[in-house]
PDB file of N, CA and C in Angstrom:
ATOM      1  N   ILE A   1      80.797  89.812 108.613  1.00  0.00           N
ATOM      2  CA  ILE A   1      81.068  90.529 107.374  1.00  0.00           C
ATOM      3  C   ILE A   1      81.341  89.504 106.291  1.00  0.00           C
ATOM      4  N   ALA A   2      80.730  89.698 105.162  1.00  0.00           N
ATOM      5  CA  ALA A   2      80.867  88.763 104.054  1.00  0.00           C
ATOM      6  C   ALA A   2      81.874  89.286 103.033  1.00  0.00           C
ATOM      7  N   GLU A   3      83.131  89.372 103.431  1.00  0.00           N
ATOM      8  CA  GLU A   3      84.159  89.939 102.567  1.00  0.00           C
ATOM      9  C   GLU A   3      84.399  89.109 101.315  1.00  0.00           C
ATOM     10  N   ASN A   4      84.128  87.825 101.370  1.00  0.00           N
ATOM     11  CA  ASN A   4      84.369  86.951 100.227  1.00  0.00           C
ATOM     12  C   ASN A   4      83.123  86.724  99.388  1.00  0.00           C
ATOM     13  N   LEU A   5      82.069  87.459  99.676  1.00  0.00           N
ATOM     14  CA  LEU A   5      80.819  87.328  98.945  1.00  0.00           C
ATOM     15  C   LEU A   5      81.037  87.675  97.476  1.00  0.00           C
ATOM     16  N   VAL A   6      80.611  86.781  96.590  1.00  0.00           N
ATOM     17  CA  VAL A   6      80.750  87.005  95.156  1.00  0.00           C
ATOM     18  C   VAL A   6      79.379  87.205  94.530  1.00  0.00           C
ATOM     19  N   ASP A   7      78.457  86.315  94.826  1.00  0.00           N
ATOM     20  CA  ASP A   7      77.107  86.398  94.277  1.00  0.00           C
ATOM     21  C   ASP A   7      76.135  86.801  95.371  1.00  0.00           C
ATOM     22  N   PHE A   8      75.207  87.671  95.003  1.00  0.00           N
ATOM     23  CA  PHE A   8      74.229  88.171  95.955  1.00  0.00           C
ATOM     24  C   PHE A   8      72.904  88.303  95.233  1.00  0.00           C
ATOM     25  N   LYS A   9      71.901  87.615  95.708  1.00  0.00           N
ATOM     26  CA  LYS A   9      70.558  87.719  95.128  1.00  0.00           C
ATOM     27  C   LYS A   9      69.847  88.843  95.858  1.00  0.00           C
ATOM     28  N   ALA A  10      69.674  89.943  95.174  1.00  0.00           N
ATOM     29  CA  ALA A  10      69.068  91.115  95.791  1.00  0.00           C
ATOM     30  C   ALA A  10      67.582  90.892  96.012  1.00  0.00           C
ATOM     31  N   PRO A  11      67.091  91.312  97.168  1.00  0.00           N
ATOM     32  CA  PRO A  11      65.640  91.257  97.377  1.00  0.00           C
ATOM     33  C   PRO A  11      64.965  92.277  96.473  1.00  0.00           C
ATOM     34  N   SER A  12      63.723  92.049  96.150  1.00  0.00           N
ATOM     35  CA  SER A  12      63.015  93.015  95.311  1.00  0.00           C
ATOM     36  C   SER A  12      62.577  94.199  96.151  1.00  0.00           C
ATOM     37  N   ASN A  13      62.417  95.316  95.499  1.00  0.00           N
ATOM     38  CA  ASN A  13      61.880  96.531  96.119  1.00  0.00           C
ATOM     39  C   ASN A  13      62.713  97.056  97.285  1.00  0.00           C
ATOM     40  N   ILE A  14      63.998  97.286  97.049  1.00  0.00           N
ATOM     41  CA  ILE A  14      64.862  97.869  98.073  1.00  0.00           C
ATOM     42  C   ILE A  14      64.470  99.334  98.218  1.00  0.00           C
ATOM     43  N   LYS A  15      64.060  99.734  99.440  1.00  0.00           N
ATOM     44  CA  LYS A  15      63.512 101.072  99.659  1.00  0.00           C
ATOM     45  C   LYS A  15      64.354 101.952 100.564  1.00  0.00           C
ATOM     46  N   THR A  16      65.338 101.408 101.226  1.00  0.00           N
ATOM     47  CA  THR A  16      66.097 102.188 102.198  1.00  0.00           C
ATOM     48  C   THR A  16      67.587 102.036 101.935  1.00  0.00           C
ATOM     49  N   SER A  17      68.363 102.971 102.427  1.00  0.00           N
ATOM     50  CA  SER A  17      69.808 102.932 102.221  1.00  0.00           C
ATOM     51  C   SER A  17      70.360 101.559 102.586  1.00  0.00           C
ATOM     52  N   ILE A  18      71.374 101.144 101.827  1.00  0.00           N
ATOM     53  CA  ILE A  18      71.933  99.817 102.021  1.00  0.00           C
ATOM     54  C   ILE A  18      73.457  99.888 101.897  1.00  0.00           C
ATOM     55  N   MET A  19      74.154  99.120 102.746  1.00  0.00           N
ATOM     56  CA  MET A  19      75.606  99.037 102.687  1.00  0.00           C
ATOM     57  C   MET A  19      75.977  97.570 102.515  1.00  0.00           C
ATOM     58  N   ILE A  20      76.766  97.302 101.501  1.00  0.00           N
ATOM     59  CA  ILE A  20      77.226  95.939 101.255  1.00  0.00           C
ATOM     60  C   ILE A  20      78.740  95.952 101.352  1.00  0.00           C
ATOM     61  N   GLN A  21      79.274  95.239 102.331  1.00  0.00           N
ATOM     62  CA  GLN A  21      80.709  95.184 102.543  1.00  0.00           C
ATOM     63  C   GLN A  21      81.251  93.910 101.932  1.00  0.00           C
ATOM     64  N   GLY A  22      81.770  94.023 100.772  1.00  0.00           N
ATOM     65  CA  GLY A  22      82.360  92.899 100.065  1.00  0.00           C
ATOM     66  C   GLY A  22      82.885  93.401  98.743  1.00  0.00           C
ATOM     67  N   ASN A  23      84.168  93.262  98.503  1.00  0.00           N
ATOM     68  CA  ASN A  23      84.780  93.803  97.297  1.00  0.00           C
ATOM     69  C   ASN A  23      84.767  92.840  96.131  1.00  0.00           C
ATOM     70  N   ASN A  24      84.243  91.646  96.327  1.00  0.00           N
ATOM     71  CA  ASN A  24      84.332  90.608  95.305  1.00  0.00           C
ATOM     72  C   ASN A  24      83.019  90.339  94.591  1.00  0.00           C
ATOM     73  N   LEU A  25      82.041  91.223  94.746  1.00  0.00           N
ATOM     74  CA  LEU A  25      80.741  90.981  94.107  1.00  0.00           C
ATOM     75  C   LEU A  25      80.878  90.939  92.594  1.00  0.00           C
ATOM     76  N   SER A  26      80.131  90.048  91.977  1.00  0.00           N
ATOM     77  CA  SER A  26      80.135  89.961  90.526  1.00  0.00           C
ATOM     78  C   SER A  26      79.348  91.137  89.950  1.00  0.00           C
ATOM     79  N   VAL A  27      79.642  91.465  88.710  1.00  0.00           N
ATOM     80  CA  VAL A  27      78.911  92.539  88.029  1.00  0.00           C
ATOM     81  C   VAL A  27      77.431  92.191  87.967  1.00  0.00           C
ATOM     82  N   GLU A  28      77.112  90.929  87.747  1.00  0.00           N
ATOM     83  CA  GLU A  28      75.715  90.503  87.686  1.00  0.00           C
ATOM     84  C   GLU A  28      74.998  90.775  89.006  1.00  0.00           C
ATOM     85  N   SER A  29      75.666  90.521  90.125  1.00  0.00           N
ATOM     86  CA  SER A  29      75.074  90.782  91.435  1.00  0.00           C
ATOM     87  C   SER A  29      74.865  92.276  91.653  1.00  0.00           C
ATOM     88  N   LEU A  30      75.833  93.082  91.263  1.00  0.00           N
ATOM     89  CA  LEU A  30      75.718  94.528  91.413  1.00  0.00           C
ATOM     90  C   LEU A  30      74.569  95.084  90.573  1.00  0.00           C
ATOM     91  N   ILE A  31      74.444  94.593  89.361  1.00  0.00           N
ATOM     92  CA  ILE A  31      73.343  95.028  88.492  1.00  0.00           C
ATOM     93  C   ILE A  31      72.007  94.608  89.087  1.00  0.00           C
ATOM     94  N   SER A  32      71.931  93.411  89.643  1.00  0.00           N
ATOM     95  CA  SER A  32      70.710  92.932  90.285  1.00  0.00           C
ATOM     96  C   SER A  32      70.289  93.853  91.423  1.00  0.00           C
ATOM     97  N   ILE A  33      71.265  94.269  92.214  1.00  0.00           N
ATOM     98  CA  ILE A  33      70.974  95.174  93.328  1.00  0.00           C
ATOM     99  C   ILE A  33      70.383  96.475  92.800  1.00  0.00           C
ATOM    100  N   MET A  34      71.036  97.066  91.811  1.00  0.00           N
ATOM    101  CA  MET A  34      70.570  98.354  91.285  1.00  0.00           C
ATOM    102  C   MET A  34      69.212  98.236  90.594  1.00  0.00           C
ATOM    103  N   ASP A  35      68.999  97.133  89.904  1.00  0.00           N
ATOM    104  CA  ASP A  35      67.694  96.918  89.252  1.00  0.00           C
ATOM    105  C   ASP A  35      66.553  96.832  90.259  1.00  0.00           C
ATOM    106  N   ASN A  36      66.854  96.366  91.476  1.00  0.00           N
ATOM    107  CA  ASN A  36      65.816  96.176  92.492  1.00  0.00           C
ATOM    108  C   ASN A  36      65.635  97.368  93.430  1.00  0.00           C
ATOM    109  N   LEU A  37      66.342  98.456  93.167  1.00  0.00           N
ATOM    110  CA  LEU A  37      66.154  99.672  93.955  1.00  0.00           C
ATOM    111  C   LEU A  37      64.843 100.336  93.555  1.00  0.00           C
ATOM    112  N   VAL A  38      64.068 100.729  94.532  1.00  0.00           N
ATOM    113  CA  VAL A  38      62.822 101.457  94.289  1.00  0.00           C
ATOM    114  C   VAL A  38      63.176 102.931  94.122  1.00  0.00           C
ATOM    115  N   PRO A  39      62.597 103.611  93.143  1.00  0.00           N
ATOM    116  CA  PRO A  39      62.846 105.048  93.030  1.00  0.00           C
ATOM    117  C   PRO A  39      62.556 105.746  94.362  1.00  0.00           C
ATOM    118  N   ALA A  40      63.522 106.504  94.833  1.00  0.00           N
ATOM    119  CA  ALA A  40      63.431 107.119  96.158  1.00  0.00           C
ATOM    120  C   ALA A  40      62.851 108.532  96.073  1.00  0.00           C
ATOM    121  N   ARG A  41      61.979 108.841  97.004  1.00  0.00           N
ATOM    122  CA  ARG A  41      61.426 110.195  97.094  1.00  0.00           C
ATOM    123  C   ARG A  41      62.509 111.156  97.580  1.00  0.00           C
ATOM    124  N   TYR A  42      63.291 110.695  98.549  1.00  0.00           N
ATOM    125  CA  TYR A  42      64.444 111.432  99.057  1.00  0.00           C
ATOM    126  C   TYR A  42      65.667 110.576  98.775  1.00  0.00           C
ATOM    127  N   THR A  43      66.792 111.203  98.558  1.00  0.00           N
ATOM    128  CA  THR A  43      68.001 110.468  98.206  1.00  0.00           C
ATOM    129  C   THR A  43      68.322 109.386  99.234  1.00  0.00           C
ATOM    130  N   GLN A  44      68.565 108.198  98.720  1.00  0.00           N
ATOM    131  CA  GLN A  44      69.011 107.056  99.525  1.00  0.00           C
ATOM    132  C   GLN A  44      70.440 106.728  99.117  1.00  0.00           C
ATOM    133  N   VAL A  45      71.144 105.960  99.930  1.00  0.00           N
ATOM    134  CA  VAL A  45      72.544 105.637  99.675  1.00  0.00           C
ATOM    135  C   VAL A  45      72.712 104.143  99.454  1.00  0.00           C
ATOM    136  N   LEU A  46      73.388 103.802  98.368  1.00  0.00           N
ATOM    137  CA  LEU A  46      73.800 102.435  98.087  1.00  0.00           C
ATOM    138  C   LEU A  46      75.316 102.418  98.237  1.00  0.00           C
ATOM    139  N   GLU A  47      75.780 101.880  99.351  1.00  0.00           N
ATOM    140  CA  GLU A  47      77.216 101.860  99.624  1.00  0.00           C
ATOM    141  C   GLU A  47      77.763 100.487  99.274  1.00  0.00           C
ATOM    142  N   ILE A  48      78.539 100.437  98.183  1.00  0.00           N
ATOM    143  CA  ILE A  48      79.092  99.168  97.722  1.00  0.00           C
ATOM    144  C   ILE A  48      80.620  99.190  97.668  1.00  0.00           C
ATOM    145  N   GLY A  49      81.226 100.332  97.876  1.00  0.00           N
ATOM    146  CA  GLY A  49      82.685 100.436  97.883  1.00  0.00           C
ATOM    147  C   GLY A  49      83.265 100.687  96.502  1.00  0.00           C
ATOM    148  N   GLN A  50      84.412 101.343  96.493  1.00  0.00           N
ATOM    149  CA  GLN A  50      85.046 101.753  95.239  1.00  0.00           C
ATOM    150  C   GLN A  50      85.425 100.575  94.350  1.00  0.00           C
ATOM    151  N   ASN A  51      85.875  99.465  94.938  1.00  0.00           N
ATOM    152  CA  ASN A  51      86.253  98.306  94.118  1.00  0.00           C
ATOM    153  C   ASN A  51      85.079  97.806  93.298  1.00  0.00           C
ATOM    154  N   ASN A  52      83.885  97.790  93.890  1.00  0.00           N
ATOM    155  CA  ASN A  52      82.704  97.360  93.148  1.00  0.00           C
ATOM    156  C   ASN A  52      82.255  98.417  92.154  1.00  0.00           C
ATOM    157  N   ILE A  53      82.345  99.683  92.532  1.00  0.00           N
ATOM    158  CA  ILE A  53      81.971 100.766  91.612  1.00  0.00           C
ATOM    159  C   ILE A  53      82.838 100.697  90.358  1.00  0.00           C
ATOM    160  N   ASP A  54      84.123 100.426  90.538  1.00  0.00           N
ATOM    161  CA  ASP A  54      85.054 100.371  89.410  1.00  0.00           C
ATOM    162  C   ASP A  54      84.702  99.274  88.404  1.00  0.00           C
ATOM    163  N   LYS A  55      83.942  98.285  88.808  1.00  0.00           N
ATOM    164  CA  LYS A  55      83.541  97.191  87.912  1.00  0.00           C
ATOM    165  C   LYS A  55      82.406  97.592  86.968  1.00  0.00           C
ATOM    166  N   LEU A  56      81.730  98.686  87.296  1.00  0.00           N
ATOM    167  CA  LEU A  56      80.513  99.064  86.582  1.00  0.00           C
ATOM    168  C   LEU A  56      80.770 100.177  85.574  1.00  0.00           C
ATOM    169  N   THR A  57      79.987 100.162  84.516  1.00  0.00           N
ATOM    170  CA  THR A  57      80.062 101.234  83.526  1.00  0.00           C
ATOM    171  C   THR A  57      79.227 102.419  84.004  1.00  0.00           C
ATOM    172  N   GLU A  58      79.414 103.546  83.364  1.00  0.00           N
ATOM    173  CA  GLU A  58      78.609 104.739  83.672  1.00  0.00           C
ATOM    174  C   GLU A  58      77.121 104.433  83.492  1.00  0.00           C
ATOM    175  N   GLU A  59      76.786 103.696  82.445  1.00  0.00           N
ATOM    176  CA  GLU A  59      75.387 103.348  82.167  1.00  0.00           C
ATOM    177  C   GLU A  59      74.800 102.469  83.261  1.00  0.00           C
ATOM    178  N   GLN A  60      75.591 101.536  83.764  1.00  0.00           N
ATOM    179  CA  GLN A  60      75.112 100.661  84.834  1.00  0.00           C
ATOM    180  C   GLN A  60      74.902 101.441  86.122  1.00  0.00           C
ATOM    181  N   LEU A  61      75.799 102.350  86.443  1.00  0.00           N
ATOM    182  CA  LEU A  61      75.637 103.195  87.625  1.00  0.00           C
ATOM    183  C   LEU A  61      74.449 104.140  87.483  1.00  0.00           C
ATOM    184  N   ALA A  62      74.175 104.559  86.258  1.00  0.00           N
ATOM    185  CA  ALA A  62      73.073 105.490  86.011  1.00  0.00           C
ATOM    186  C   ALA A  62      71.723 104.904  86.402  1.00  0.00           C
ATOM    187  N   VAL A  63      71.601 103.586  86.423  1.00  0.00           N
ATOM    188  CA  VAL A  63      70.355 102.949  86.829  1.00  0.00           C
ATOM    189  C   VAL A  63      70.001 103.367  88.250  1.00  0.00           C
ATOM    190  N   ALA A  64      70.963 103.297  89.155  1.00  0.00           N
ATOM    191  CA  ALA A  64      70.723 103.675  90.551  1.00  0.00           C
ATOM    192  C   ALA A  64      70.573 105.184  90.679  1.00  0.00           C
ATOM    193  N   ILE A  65      71.406 105.921  90.014  1.00  0.00           N
ATOM    194  CA  ILE A  65      71.381 107.374  90.108  1.00  0.00           C
ATOM    195  C   ILE A  65      70.062 107.940  89.606  1.00  0.00           C
ATOM    196  N   SER A  66      69.543 107.354  88.536  1.00  0.00           N
ATOM    197  CA  SER A  66      68.270 107.831  87.983  1.00  0.00           C
ATOM    198  C   SER A  66      67.091 107.580  88.928  1.00  0.00           C
ATOM    199  N   LYS A  67      67.287 106.694  89.900  1.00  0.00           N
ATOM    200  CA  LYS A  67      66.245 106.396  90.888  1.00  0.00           C
ATOM    201  C   LYS A  67      66.437 107.203  92.166  1.00  0.00           C
ATOM    202  N   ASN A  68      67.316 108.225  92.116  1.00  0.00           N
ATOM    203  CA  ASN A  68      67.591 109.114  93.240  1.00  0.00           C
ATOM    204  C   ASN A  68      68.380 108.429  94.345  1.00  0.00           C
ATOM    205  N   TRP A  69      69.301 107.548  93.944  1.00  0.00           N
ATOM    206  CA  TRP A  69      70.188 106.874  94.882  1.00  0.00           C
ATOM    207  C   TRP A  69      71.616 107.393  94.665  1.00  0.00           C
ATOM    208  N   THR A  70      72.339 107.586  95.747  1.00  0.00           N
ATOM    209  CA  THR A  70      73.758 107.936  95.694  1.00  0.00           C
ATOM    210  C   THR A  70      74.541 106.635  95.836  1.00  0.00           C
ATOM    211  N   VAL A  71      75.458 106.396  94.908  1.00  0.00           N
ATOM    212  CA  VAL A  71      76.281 105.186  94.951  1.00  0.00           C
ATOM    213  C   VAL A  71      77.681 105.583  95.407  1.00  0.00           C
ATOM    214  N   CYS A  72      78.115 104.939  96.478  1.00  0.00           N
ATOM    215  CA  CYS A  72      79.454 105.241  96.978  1.00  0.00           C
ATOM    216  C   CYS A  72      80.117 103.971  97.485  1.00  0.00           C
TER     217      CYS A  72
END
């Protein structure tokens, strides 16, 4: 488990549900992850934890939500 992970280079074209266990991710890393989500035909889940969600604005979260992803 990468609990101390701060920076994360997201792979391009994320197509399936993903769980990232680390409360210290930078906002830039979180935005990178959401930018690389592929619009889902069926709802997919991006699990990043409440501490990371709290770092993001409504507009930043909307990027993932608009692609049919649930962020939790």
